[in-house]
Amino acid sequence: KASLKKDLDMVYDYFPRLKNLRNATSGYLSGGEQQMLVMGRAM
């Protein structure tokens, strides 16, 4: 857990769109945004 912020920053660097949507409810994202999210979650 100590690396949580660093890991989030890493994902947001790969997917800047997710950073802008970080407080959005995931179920309302577009298909492309959801694909970015599941890949970022794996990262």
All heavy atoms as atom14 arrays in JSON, in Angstrom:
{
  "sequence": "KASLKKDLDMVYDYFPRLKNLRNATSGYLSGGEQQMLVMGRAM",
  "atom14_mask": [
    [1, 1, 1, 1, 1, 1, 1, 1, 1, 0, 0, 0, 0, 0],
    [1, 1, 1, 1, 1, 0, 0, 0, 0, 0, 0, 0, 0, 0],
    [1, 1, 1, 1, 1, 1, 0, 0, 0, 0, 0, 0, 0, 0],
    [1, 1, 1, 1, 1, 1, 1, 1, 0, 0, 0, 0, 0, 0],
    [1, 1, 1, 1, 1, 1, 1, 1, 1, 0, 0, 0, 0, 0],
    [1, 1, 1, 1, 1, 1, 1, 1, 1, 0, 0, 0, 0, 0],
    [1, 1, 1, 1, 1, 1, 1, 1, 0, 0, 0, 0, 0, 0],
    [1, 1, 1, 1, 1, 1, 1, 1, 0, 0, 0, 0, 0, 0],
    [1, 1, 1, 1, 1, 1, 1, 1, 0, 0, 0, 0, 0, 0],
    [1, 1, 1, 1, 1, 1, 1, 1, 0, 0, 0, 0, 0, 0],
    [1, 1, 1, 1, 1, 1, 1, 0, 0, 0, 0, 0, 0, 0],
    [1, 1, 1, 1, 1, 1, 1, 1, 1, 1, 1, 1, 0, 0],
    [1, 1, 1, 1, 1, 1, 1, 1, 0, 0, 0, 0, 0, 0],
    [1, 1, 1, 1, 1, 1, 1, 1, 1, 1, 1, 1, 0, 0],
    [1, 1, 1, 1, 1, 1, 1, 1, 1, 1, 1, 0, 0, 0],
    [1, 1, 1, 1, 1, 1, 1, 0, 0, 0, 0, 0, 0, 0],
    [1, 1, 1, 1, 1, 1, 1, 1, 1, 1, 1, 0, 0, 0],
    [1, 1, 1, 1, 1, 1, 1, 1, 0, 0, 0, 0, 0, 0],
    [1, 1, 1, 1, 1, 1, 1, 1, 1, 0, 0, 0, 0, 0],
    [1, 1, 1, 1, 1, 1, 1, 1, 0, 0, 0, 0, 0, 0],
    [1, 1, 1, 1, 1, 1, 1, 1, 0, 0, 0, 0, 0, 0],
    [1, 1, 1, 1, 1, 1, 1, 1, 1, 1, 1, 0, 0, 0],
    [1, 1, 1, 1, 1, 1, 1, 1, 0, 0, 0, 0, 0, 0],
    [1, 1, 1, 1, 1, 0, 0, 0, 0, 0, 0, 0, 0, 0],
    [1, 1, 1, 1, 1, 1, 1, 0, 0, 0, 0, 0, 0, 0],
    [1, 1, 1, 1, 1, 1, 0, 0, 0, 0, 0, 0, 0, 0],
    [1, 1, 1, 1, 0, 0, 0, 0, 0, 0, 0, 0, 0, 0],
    [1, 1, 1, 1, 1, 1, 1, 1, 1, 1, 1, 1, 0, 0],
    [1, 1, 1, 1, 1, 1, 1, 1, 0, 0, 0, 0, 0, 0],
    [1, 1, 1, 1, 1, 1, 0, 0, 0, 0, 0, 0, 0, 0],
    [1, 1, 1, 1, 0, 0, 0, 0, 0, 0, 0, 0, 0, 0],
    [1, 1, 1, 1, 0, 0, 0, 0, 0, 0, 0, 0, 0, 0],
    [1, 1, 1, 1, 1, 1, 1, 1, 1, 0, 0, 0, 0, 0],
    [1, 1, 1, 1, 1, 1, 1, 1, 1, 0, 0, 0, 0, 0],
    [1, 1, 1, 1, 1, 1, 1, 1, 1, 0, 0, 0, 0, 0],
    [1, 1, 1, 1, 1, 1, 1, 1, 0, 0, 0, 0, 0, 0],
    [1, 1, 1, 1, 1, 1, 1, 1, 0, 0, 0, 0, 0, 0],
    [1, 1, 1, 1, 1, 1, 1, 0, 0, 0, 0, 0, 0, 0],
    [1, 1, 1, 1, 1, 1, 1, 1, 0, 0, 0, 0, 0, 0],
    [1, 1, 1, 1, 0, 0, 0, 0, 0, 0, 0, 0, 0, 0],
    [1, 1, 1, 1, 1, 1, 1, 1, 1, 1, 1, 0, 0, 0],
    [1, 1, 1, 1, 1, 0, 0, 0, 0, 0, 0, 0, 0, 0],
    [1, 1, 1, 1, 1, 1, 1, 1, 0, 0, 0, 0, 0, 0]
  ],
  "atom14_positions": [
    [[0.82, -1.21, 0.0], [0.0, 0.0, 0.0], [0.86, 1.27, 0.0], [0.41, 2.33, -0.39], [-0.93, -0.01, 1.22], [-2.0, -1.08, 1.17], [-2.93, -1.0, 2.36], [-4.02, -2.07, 2.28], [-4.93, -2.01, 3.45], [0.0, 0.0, 0.0], [0.0, 0.0, 0.0], [0.0, 0.0, 0.0], [0.0, 0.0, 0.0], [0.0, 0.0, 0.0]],
    [[2.09, 1.15, 0.45], [2.97, 2.31, 0.52], [3.21, 2.92, -0.86], [3.51, 4.1, -0.98], [4.3, 1.92, 1.16], [0.0, 0.0, 0.0], [0.0, 0.0, 0.0], [0.0, 0.0, 0.0], [0.0, 0.0, 0.0], [0.0, 0.0, 0.0], [0.0, 0.0, 0.0], [0.0, 0.0, 0.0], [0.0, 0.0, 0.0], [0.0, 0.0, 0.0]],
    [[3.07, 2.1, -1.91], [3.34, 2.59, -3.26], [2.06, 3.0, -3.99], [2.09, 3.24, -5.2], [4.06, 1.51, -4.07], [3.23, 0.37, -4.23], [0.0, 0.0, 0.0], [0.0, 0.0, 0.0], [0.0, 0.0, 0.0], [0.0, 0.0, 0.0], [0.0, 0.0, 0.0], [0.0, 0.0, 0.0], [0.0, 0.0, 0.0], [0.0, 0.0, 0.0]],
    [[0.95, 3.11, -3.28], [-0.35, 3.35, -3.91], [-0.36, 4.64, -4.73], [-0.76, 4.64, -5.89], [-1.45, 3.38, -2.86], [-2.87, 3.63, -3.37], [-3.28, 2.55, -4.35], [-3.85, 3.71, -2.2], [0.0, 0.0, 0.0], [0.0, 0.0, 0.0], [0.0, 0.0, 0.0], [0.0, 0.0, 0.0], [0.0, 0.0, 0.0], [0.0, 0.0, 0.0]],
    [[0.06, 5.75, -4.14], [0.03, 7.03, -4.87], [0.94, 6.98, -6.09], [0.57, 7.46, -7.17], [0.45, 8.18, -3.95], [0.33, 9.54, -4.62], [0.73, 10.65, -3.69], [0.49, 12.02, -4.36], [1.15, 12.14, -5.68], [0.0, 0.0, 0.0], [0.0, 0.0, 0.0], [0.0, 0.0, 0.0], [0.0, 0.0, 0.0], [0.0, 0.0, 0.0]],
    [[2.11, 6.39, -5.92], [3.05, 6.27, -7.04], [2.44, 5.43, -8.16], [2.59, 5.76, -9.35], [4.35, 5.64, -6.55], [5.42, 5.49, -7.62], [6.67, 4.87, -7.05], [7.73, 4.66, -8.13], [8.95, 4.01, -7.57], [0.0, 0.0, 0.0], [0.0, 0.0, 0.0], [0.0, 0.0, 0.0], [0.0, 0.0, 0.0], [0.0, 0.0, 0.0]],
    [[1.76, 4.36, -7.79], [1.15, 3.49, -8.8], [0.0, 4.19, -9.51], [-0.18, 4.03, -10.73], [0.66, 2.19, -8.14], [1.8, 1.34, -7.62], [2.95, 1.56, -8.06], [1.56, 0.47, -6.77], [0.0, 0.0, 0.0], [0.0, 0.0, 0.0], [0.0, 0.0, 0.0], [0.0, 0.0, 0.0], [0.0, 0.0, 0.0], [0.0, 0.0, 0.0]],
    [[-0.8, 4.95, -8.76], [-1.88, 5.71, -9.39], [-1.32, 6.73, -10.38], [-1.85, 6.9, -11.48], [-2.72, 6.41, -8.33], [-3.68, 5.53, -7.52], [-4.26, 6.31, -6.35], [-4.8, 4.99, -8.4], [0.0, 0.0, 0.0], [0.0, 0.0, 0.0], [0.0, 0.0, 0.0], [0.0, 0.0, 0.0], [0.0, 0.0, 0.0], [0.0, 0.0, 0.0]],
    [[-0.25, 7.4, -9.98], [0.38, 8.37, -10.88], [0.89, 7.69, -12.15], [0.81, 8.27, -13.25], [1.53, 9.08, -10.16], [1.05, 10.06, -9.1], [-0.14, 10.44, -9.15], [1.85, 10.42, -8.21], [0.0, 0.0, 0.0], [0.0, 0.0, 0.0], [0.0, 0.0, 0.0], [0.0, 0.0, 0.0], [0.0, 0.0, 0.0], [0.0, 0.0, 0.0]],
    [[1.41, 6.47, -11.99], [1.88, 5.72, -13.15], [0.73, 5.46, -14.12], [0.85, 5.69, -15.34], [2.5, 4.39, -12.73], [2.84, 3.46, -13.89], [3.17, 1.74, -13.41], [1.53, 1.2, -12.86], [0.0, 0.0, 0.0], [0.0, 0.0, 0.0], [0.0, 0.0, 0.0], [0.0, 0.0, 0.0], [0.0, 0.0, 0.0], [0.0, 0.0, 0.0]],
    [[-0.39, 4.98, -13.59], [-1.55, 4.68, -14.44], [-2.07, 5.95, -15.1], [-2.39, 5.96, -16.3], [-2.66, 3.99, -13.63], [-3.94, 3.87, -14.45], [-2.21, 2.62, -13.16], [0.0, 0.0, 0.0], [0.0, 0.0, 0.0], [0.0, 0.0, 0.0], [0.0, 0.0, 0.0], [0.0, 0.0, 0.0], [0.0, 0.0, 0.0], [0.0, 0.0, 0.0]],
    [[-2.14, 7.04, -14.35], [-2.62, 8.3, -14.92], [-1.67, 8.85, -15.97], [-2.1, 9.57, -16.88], [-2.83, 9.33, -13.81], [-3.97, 9.0, -12.86], [-3.91, 9.33, -11.51], [-5.12, 8.36, -13.33], [-4.95, 9.03, -10.65], [-6.16, 8.04, -12.48], [-6.08, 8.39, -11.14], [-7.11, 8.09, -10.28], [0.0, 0.0, 0.0], [0.0, 0.0, 0.0]],
    [[-0.41, 8.5, -15.88], [0.54, 8.9, -16.91], [0.27, 8.16, -18.22], [0.35, 8.74, -19.3], [1.97, 8.63, -16.44], [3.01, 9.08, -17.46], [2.97, 10.25, -17.87], [3.85, 8.25, -17.86], [0.0, 0.0, 0.0], [0.0, 0.0, 0.0], [0.0, 0.0, 0.0], [0.0, 0.0, 0.0], [0.0, 0.0, 0.0], [0.0, 0.0, 0.0]],
    [[-0.07, 6.88, -18.11], [-0.41, 6.1, -19.3], [-1.79, 6.48, -19.84], [-2.01, 6.48, -21.05], [-0.38, 4.6, -18.99], [1.0, 4.02, -18.88], [1.5, 3.57, -17.66], [1.83, 3.92, -20.0], [2.78, 3.04, -17.55], [3.11, 3.4, -19.9], [3.57, 2.96, -18.68], [4.85, 2.45, -18.59], [0.0, 0.0, 0.0], [0.0, 0.0, 0.0]],
    [[-2.72, 6.78, -18.94], [-4.1, 7.09, -19.32], [-4.53, 8.42, -18.71], [-5.26, 8.44, -17.72], [-5.05, 5.98, -18.86], [-4.75, 4.62, -19.4], [-4.21, 3.64, -18.58], [-5.02, 4.3, -20.73], [-3.94, 2.37, -19.07], [-4.76, 3.04, -21.23], [-4.21, 2.07, -20.41], [0.0, 0.0, 0.0], [0.0, 0.0, 0.0], [0.0, 0.0, 0.0]],
    [[-4.09, 9.55, -19.28], [-4.45, 10.86, -18.73], [-5.96, 11.07, -18.61], [-6.42, 11.79, -17.72], [-3.83, 11.85, -19.73], [-2.72, 11.08, -20.39], [-3.19, 9.67, -20.45], [0.0, 0.0, 0.0], [0.0, 0.0, 0.0], [0.0, 0.0, 0.0], [0.0, 0.0, 0.0], [0.0, 0.0, 0.0], [0.0, 0.0, 0.0], [0.0, 0.0, 0.0]],
    [[-6.71, 10.44, -19.5], [-8.16, 10.59, -19.46], [-8.74, 10.06, -18.14], [-9.72, 10.6, -17.61], [-8.8, 9.86, -20.65], [-10.19, 10.34, -21.0], [-10.73, 9.65, -22.23], [-9.79, 9.65, -23.34], [-10.06, 9.15, -24.54], [-11.25, 8.6, -24.78], [-9.16, 9.18, -25.49], [0.0, 0.0, 0.0], [0.0, 0.0, 0.0], [0.0, 0.0, 0.0]],
    [[-8.13, 9.01, -17.6], [-8.62, 8.44, -16.34], [-8.4, 9.4, -15.17], [-9.19, 9.42, -14.22], [-7.94, 7.1, -16.06], [-8.25, 5.96, -17.02], [-7.55, 4.68, -16.55], [-9.76, 5.73, -17.14], [0.0, 0.0, 0.0], [0.0, 0.0, 0.0], [0.0, 0.0, 0.0], [0.0, 0.0, 0.0], [0.0, 0.0, 0.0], [0.0, 0.0, 0.0]],
    [[-7.33, 10.16, -15.24], [-7.08, 11.13, -14.16], [-8.18, 12.17, -14.11], [-8.66, 12.54, -13.02], [-5.73, 11.8, -14.36], [-5.34, 12.73, -13.22], [-3.93, 13.27, -13.38], [-3.54, 14.11, -12.17], [-2.15, 14.62, -12.29], [0.0, 0.0, 0.0], [0.0, 0.0, 0.0], [0.0, 0.0, 0.0], [0.0, 0.0, 0.0], [0.0, 0.0, 0.0]],
    [[-8.63, 12.62, -15.27], [-9.72, 13.59, -15.32], [-11.04, 12.99, -14.86], [-11.94, 13.72, -14.43], [-9.86, 14.15, -16.74], [-8.63, 14.91, -17.2], [-7.92, 15.5, -16.39], [-8.37, 14.88, -18.5], [0.0, 0.0, 0.0], [0.0, 0.0, 0.0], [0.0, 0.0, 0.0], [0.0, 0.0, 0.0], [0.0, 0.0, 0.0], [0.0, 0.0, 0.0]],
    [[-11.14, 11.66, -14.97], [-12.39, 10.98, -14.62], [-12.3, 10.22, -13.3], [-13.16, 9.41, -12.98], [-12.75, 9.97, -15.73], [-13.1, 10.55, -17.1], [-13.1, 9.45, -18.15], [-14.45, 11.26, -17.06], [0.0, 0.0, 0.0], [0.0, 0.0, 0.0], [0.0, 0.0, 0.0], [0.0, 0.0, 0.0], [0.0, 0.0, 0.0], [0.0, 0.0, 0.0]],
    [[-11.25, 10.5, -12.51], [-10.98, 9.65, -11.34], [-12.12, 9.59, -10.32], [-12.26, 8.6, -9.61], [-9.68, 10.09, -10.65], [-9.68, 11.51, -10.12], [-8.28, 11.86, -9.58], [-8.2, 13.21, -9.06], [-7.96, 14.28, -9.81], [-7.79, 14.13, -11.12], [-7.89, 15.48, -9.27], [0.0, 0.0, 0.0], [0.0, 0.0, 0.0], [0.0, 0.0, 0.0]],
    [[-12.96, 10.62, -10.28], [-14.09, 10.62, -9.34], [-15.41, 10.25, -10.0], [-16.46, 10.27, -9.35], [-14.22, 12.0, -8.68], [-13.01, 12.33, -7.81], [-12.52, 11.48, -7.07], [-12.53, 13.56, -7.89], [0.0, 0.0, 0.0], [0.0, 0.0, 0.0], [0.0, 0.0, 0.0], [0.0, 0.0, 0.0], [0.0, 0.0, 0.0], [0.0, 0.0, 0.0]],
    [[-15.36, 9.88, -11.28], [-16.57, 9.5, -12.01], [-16.96, 8.06, -11.69], [-16.12, 7.21, -11.41], [-16.35, 9.66, -13.51], [0.0, 0.0, 0.0], [0.0, 0.0, 0.0], [0.0, 0.0, 0.0], [0.0, 0.0, 0.0], [0.0, 0.0, 0.0], [0.0, 0.0, 0.0], [0.0, 0.0, 0.0], [0.0, 0.0, 0.0], [0.0, 0.0, 0.0]],
    [[-18.25, 7.78, -11.72], [-18.75, 6.41, -11.51], [-18.41, 5.56, -12.74], [-18.75, 5.94, -13.87], [-20.26, 6.42, -11.27], [-20.55, 7.25, -10.15], [-20.78, 5.0, -11.0], [0.0, 0.0, 0.0], [0.0, 0.0, 0.0], [0.0, 0.0, 0.0], [0.0, 0.0, 0.0], [0.0, 0.0, 0.0], [0.0, 0.0, 0.0], [0.0, 0.0, 0.0]],
    [[-17.77, 4.44, -12.51], [-17.22, 3.65, -13.62], [-18.28, 3.14, -14.58], [-18.02, 3.01, -15.78], [-16.43, 2.46, -13.05], [-15.39, 2.92, -12.23], [0.0, 0.0, 0.0], [0.0, 0.0, 0.0], [0.0, 0.0, 0.0], [0.0, 0.0, 0.0], [0.0, 0.0, 0.0], [0.0, 0.0, 0.0], [0.0, 0.0, 0.0], [0.0, 0.0, 0.0]],
    [[-19.45, 2.85, -14.07], [-20.49, 2.31, -14.92], [-20.99, 3.27, -15.98], [-21.64, 2.85, -16.94], [0.0, 0.0, 0.0], [0.0, 0.0, 0.0], [0.0, 0.0, 0.0], [0.0, 0.0, 0.0], [0.0, 0.0, 0.0], [0.0, 0.0, 0.0], [0.0, 0.0, 0.0], [0.0, 0.0, 0.0], [0.0, 0.0, 0.0], [0.0, 0.0, 0.0]],
    [[-20.67, 4.56, -15.83], [-21.13, 5.56, -16.79], [-20.05, 5.94, -17.81], [-20.27, 6.82, -18.64], [-21.6, 6.82, -16.06], [-22.85, 6.6, -15.24], [-22.79, 6.52, -13.86], [-24.09, 6.43, -15.85], [-23.93, 6.3, -13.09], [-25.24, 6.2, -15.11], [-25.15, 6.14, -13.73], [-26.29, 5.91, -12.99], [0.0, 0.0, 0.0], [0.0, 0.0, 0.0]],
    [[-18.91, 5.29, -17.75], [-17.85, 5.57, -18.71], [-18.18, 4.99, -20.07], [-18.97, 4.04, -20.19], [-16.52, 4.99, -18.23], [-15.97, 5.46, -16.88], [-14.62, 4.8, -16.63], [-15.86, 6.96, -16.81], [0.0, 0.0, 0.0], [0.0, 0.0, 0.0], [0.0, 0.0, 0.0], [0.0, 0.0, 0.0], [0.0, 0.0, 0.0], [0.0, 0.0, 0.0]],
    [[-17.56, 5.53, -21.11], [-17.71, 4.96, -22.45], [-16.97, 3.63, -22.53], [-16.17, 3.29, -21.64], [-17.15, 5.92, -23.5], [-15.73, 6.0, -23.38], [0.0, 0.0, 0.0], [0.0, 0.0, 0.0], [0.0, 0.0, 0.0], [0.0, 0.0, 0.0], [0.0, 0.0, 0.0], [0.0, 0.0, 0.0], [0.0, 0.0, 0.0], [0.0, 0.0, 0.0]],
    [[-17.2, 2.89, -23.6], [-16.52, 1.6, -23.76], [-15.02, 1.75, -23.79], [-14.29, 0.96, -23.18], [0.0, 0.0, 0.0], [0.0, 0.0, 0.0], [0.0, 0.0, 0.0], [0.0, 0.0, 0.0], [0.0, 0.0, 0.0], [0.0, 0.0, 0.0], [0.0, 0.0, 0.0], [0.0, 0.0, 0.0], [0.0, 0.0, 0.0], [0.0, 0.0, 0.0]],
    [[-14.52, 2.75, -24.49], [-13.08, 2.97, -24.56], [-12.49, 3.35, -23.21], [-11.41, 2.88, -22.84], [0.0, 0.0, 0.0], [0.0, 0.0, 0.0], [0.0, 0.0, 0.0], [0.0, 0.0, 0.0], [0.0, 0.0, 0.0], [0.0, 0.0, 0.0], [0.0, 0.0, 0.0], [0.0, 0.0, 0.0], [0.0, 0.0, 0.0], [0.0, 0.0, 0.0]],
    [[-13.21, 4.19, -22.47], [-12.74, 4.59, -21.13], [-12.74, 3.4, -20.18], [-11.83, 3.25, -19.36], [-13.61, 5.72, -20.61], [-13.41, 7.03, -21.36], [-14.54, 8.04, -21.15], [-15.58, 7.65, -20.57], [-14.39, 9.19, -21.57], [0.0, 0.0, 0.0], [0.0, 0.0, 0.0], [0.0, 0.0, 0.0], [0.0, 0.0, 0.0], [0.0, 0.0, 0.0]],
    [[-13.74, 2.54, -20.3], [-13.76, 1.34, -19.45], [-12.62, 0.39, -19.8], [-12.04, -0.24, -18.92], [-15.11, 0.63, -19.58], [-16.24, 1.38, -18.92], [-17.54, 0.59, -18.91], [-17.63, -0.51, -19.47], [-18.57, 1.13, -18.29], [0.0, 0.0, 0.0], [0.0, 0.0, 0.0], [0.0, 0.0, 0.0], [0.0, 0.0, 0.0], [0.0, 0.0, 0.0]],
    [[-12.28, 0.3, -21.09], [-11.14, -0.55, -21.48], [-9.85, 0.0, -20.89], [-9.01, -0.75, -20.4], [-11.04, -0.63, -23.0], [-9.94, -1.56, -23.5], [-10.15, -3.01, -23.07], [-11.26, -3.53, -23.19], [-9.11, -3.64, -22.57], [0.0, 0.0, 0.0], [0.0, 0.0, 0.0], [0.0, 0.0, 0.0], [0.0, 0.0, 0.0], [0.0, 0.0, 0.0]],
    [[-9.68, 1.31, -20.93], [-8.52, 1.93, -20.3], [-8.49, 1.64, -18.8], [-7.43, 1.36, -18.23], [-8.54, 3.44, -20.54], [-8.33, 3.85, -21.98], [-8.45, 5.64, -22.18], [-8.22, 5.79, -23.95], [0.0, 0.0, 0.0], [0.0, 0.0, 0.0], [0.0, 0.0, 0.0], [0.0, 0.0, 0.0], [0.0, 0.0, 0.0], [0.0, 0.0, 0.0]],
    [[-9.66, 1.68, -18.18], [-9.74, 1.46, -16.73], [-9.32, 0.04, -16.36], [-8.54, -0.15, -15.41], [-11.15, 1.75, -16.24], [-11.42, 1.5, -14.75], [-10.44, 2.25, -13.87], [-12.86, 1.88, -14.4], [0.0, 0.0, 0.0], [0.0, 0.0, 0.0], [0.0, 0.0, 0.0], [0.0, 0.0, 0.0], [0.0, 0.0, 0.0], [0.0, 0.0, 0.0]],
    [[-9.82, -0.97, -17.06], [-9.48, -2.34, -16.69], [-8.0, -2.63, -16.95], [-7.36, -3.4, -16.22], [-10.38, -3.37, -17.4], [-11.81, -3.25, -16.92], [-10.31, -3.26, -18.91], [0.0, 0.0, 0.0], [0.0, 0.0, 0.0], [0.0, 0.0, 0.0], [0.0, 0.0, 0.0], [0.0, 0.0, 0.0], [0.0, 0.0, 0.0], [0.0, 0.0, 0.0]],
    [[-7.45, -1.99, -17.98], [-6.02, -2.15, -18.22], [-5.21, -1.43, -17.14], [-4.21, -1.96, -16.64], [-5.66, -1.63, -19.61], [-6.18, -2.49, -20.74], [-5.89, -1.78, -22.38], [-4.1, -1.72, -22.42], [0.0, 0.0, 0.0], [0.0, 0.0, 0.0], [0.0, 0.0, 0.0], [0.0, 0.0, 0.0], [0.0, 0.0, 0.0], [0.0, 0.0, 0.0]],
    [[-5.65, -0.24, -16.77], [-4.97, 0.48, -15.7], [-5.05, -0.26, -14.39], [-4.09, -0.28, -13.6], [0.0, 0.0, 0.0], [0.0, 0.0, 0.0], [0.0, 0.0, 0.0], [0.0, 0.0, 0.0], [0.0, 0.0, 0.0], [0.0, 0.0, 0.0], [0.0, 0.0, 0.0], [0.0, 0.0, 0.0], [0.0, 0.0, 0.0], [0.0, 0.0, 0.0]],
    [[-6.18, -0.88, -14.13], [-6.36, -1.66, -12.89], [-5.37, -2.82, -12.85], [-4.8, -3.14, -11.81], [-7.8, -2.17, -12.82], [-8.19, -2.77, -11.48], [-9.69, -3.01, -11.43], [-10.12, -3.96, -12.45], [-11.39, -4.18, -12.77], [-12.36, -3.49, -12.17], [-11.72, -5.06, -13.69], [0.0, 0.0, 0.0], [0.0, 0.0, 0.0], [0.0, 0.0, 0.0]],
    [[-5.15, -3.45, -14.01], [-4.16, -4.53, -14.08], [-2.75, -3.99, -13.87], [-1.92, -4.64, -13.21], [-4.27, -5.24, -15.42], [0.0, 0.0, 0.0], [0.0, 0.0, 0.0], [0.0, 0.0, 0.0], [0.0, 0.0, 0.0], [0.0, 0.0, 0.0], [0.0, 0.0, 0.0], [0.0, 0.0, 0.0], [0.0, 0.0, 0.0], [0.0, 0.0, 0.0]],
    [[-2.46, -2.82, -14.42], [-1.14, -2.22, -14.25], [-0.81, -1.95, -12.79], [0.35, -1.98, -12.38], [-1.05, -0.91, -15.05], [-1.05, -1.08, -16.55], [-1.1, 0.56, -17.35], [-1.04, 0.09, -19.08], [0.0, 0.0, 0.0], [0.0, 0.0, 0.0], [0.0, 0.0, 0.0], [0.0, 0.0, 0.0], [0.0, 0.0, 0.0], [0.0, 0.0, 0.0]]
  ]
}
